[in-house]
Amino acid sequence: MGRRRLAVAAVILGLLTLYAVAVPWLSGVDDRITDFASARQGPSASHWFGTDSAGRDLFVRSASAIRTSLLIAAACAVLATVLGTVVGVFAGVWGGWVDRVVMRATDAVNALPHLLLGIVIVAMFRGSITAIVLSIALTHWTQVARIVRSEILGLRGRPFVDAAVAAGASRAHVIGRHMFPAVMPQALIAVVLLLPHAIWHESTLSFLGFGLPPHEPSLGTLLSEARSSLLLGGWWTLVFPAGILVLATVSVALAGSALRTAVAPPAPAELRL
């Protein structure tokens, strides 16, 4: 079942990636150029997804939008995972008062409203992709840190770690040789599971007007632009970008769920039904 979900998710993500890369390149259309004579045209053979209020082709613009959103989400997920892994390893290896201080700081960050904190960060550097990536990554590393810390605490008493310490291995050697490789599967899953959150947060920030500028296509900016067209009957300006957003997040969530099942340790024999 897990392999089937992973295969379905891989096919959907592959098609979305092909759509995002190939369509803007093959179409030869600059999706930022306006053509008000073609504004708010419904889906047709010449404009498969119709046009927006500025006459731009939504089929091409949606492809550019999903490419931008996926790139930003991937950067956010990787950065958040790196931060969470480093913090979790640091807290788990040092333990004692260091662990307590680090985890209380993690709890404090986790207690902050993520969207509100993201808006505050992005509002100071409006339109900056770097600010968007940092605003999402800095609010989503806490769960990764907790998972990695728990893995490290379980490793500290393992025989191969005790043997390495007894042989005179330095703490840096134990971390690099044993700790980090052991948490890499969890880190990989964290990257995949954070992608849907990052996509939705970027879309929300852009939808609220705090993310990318309107002329830069992302799923959030397309949905924001669809509000005015929807009141005039332009349903396609909302349906197609929203459908791509849901399809992307569901496929990534399926992939993350399948990966988590694949790397999960088998249950003890006495717990199996």
Foldseek 3Di string as FASTA:
>chain_A
DLVVLQVVLVVLVVVLLCQLPPLLVVVVDDQLDFDQVQALAPADPVQNLGAHNRNGRVSNLLSPAAVVLLVLLLLLLLLLLVVLLVLLLVLQLVDDPSVVVSLVVLVVLQPDDLLVQLLVQLQVVFQDSVSLSCSRSSNRNSVSSVVLNVQSNVVCPDPVLVVCVVVPHDPVCCCVVPSVVSCVLVSVLSSLLSSLVSSVSQLVCVLVPSHHDLSRRHLNSLCNSVPVVVVVPSVSSHVVSVVVSVSNSVSSNSNSVSSCVVPPDDDDPVPDD
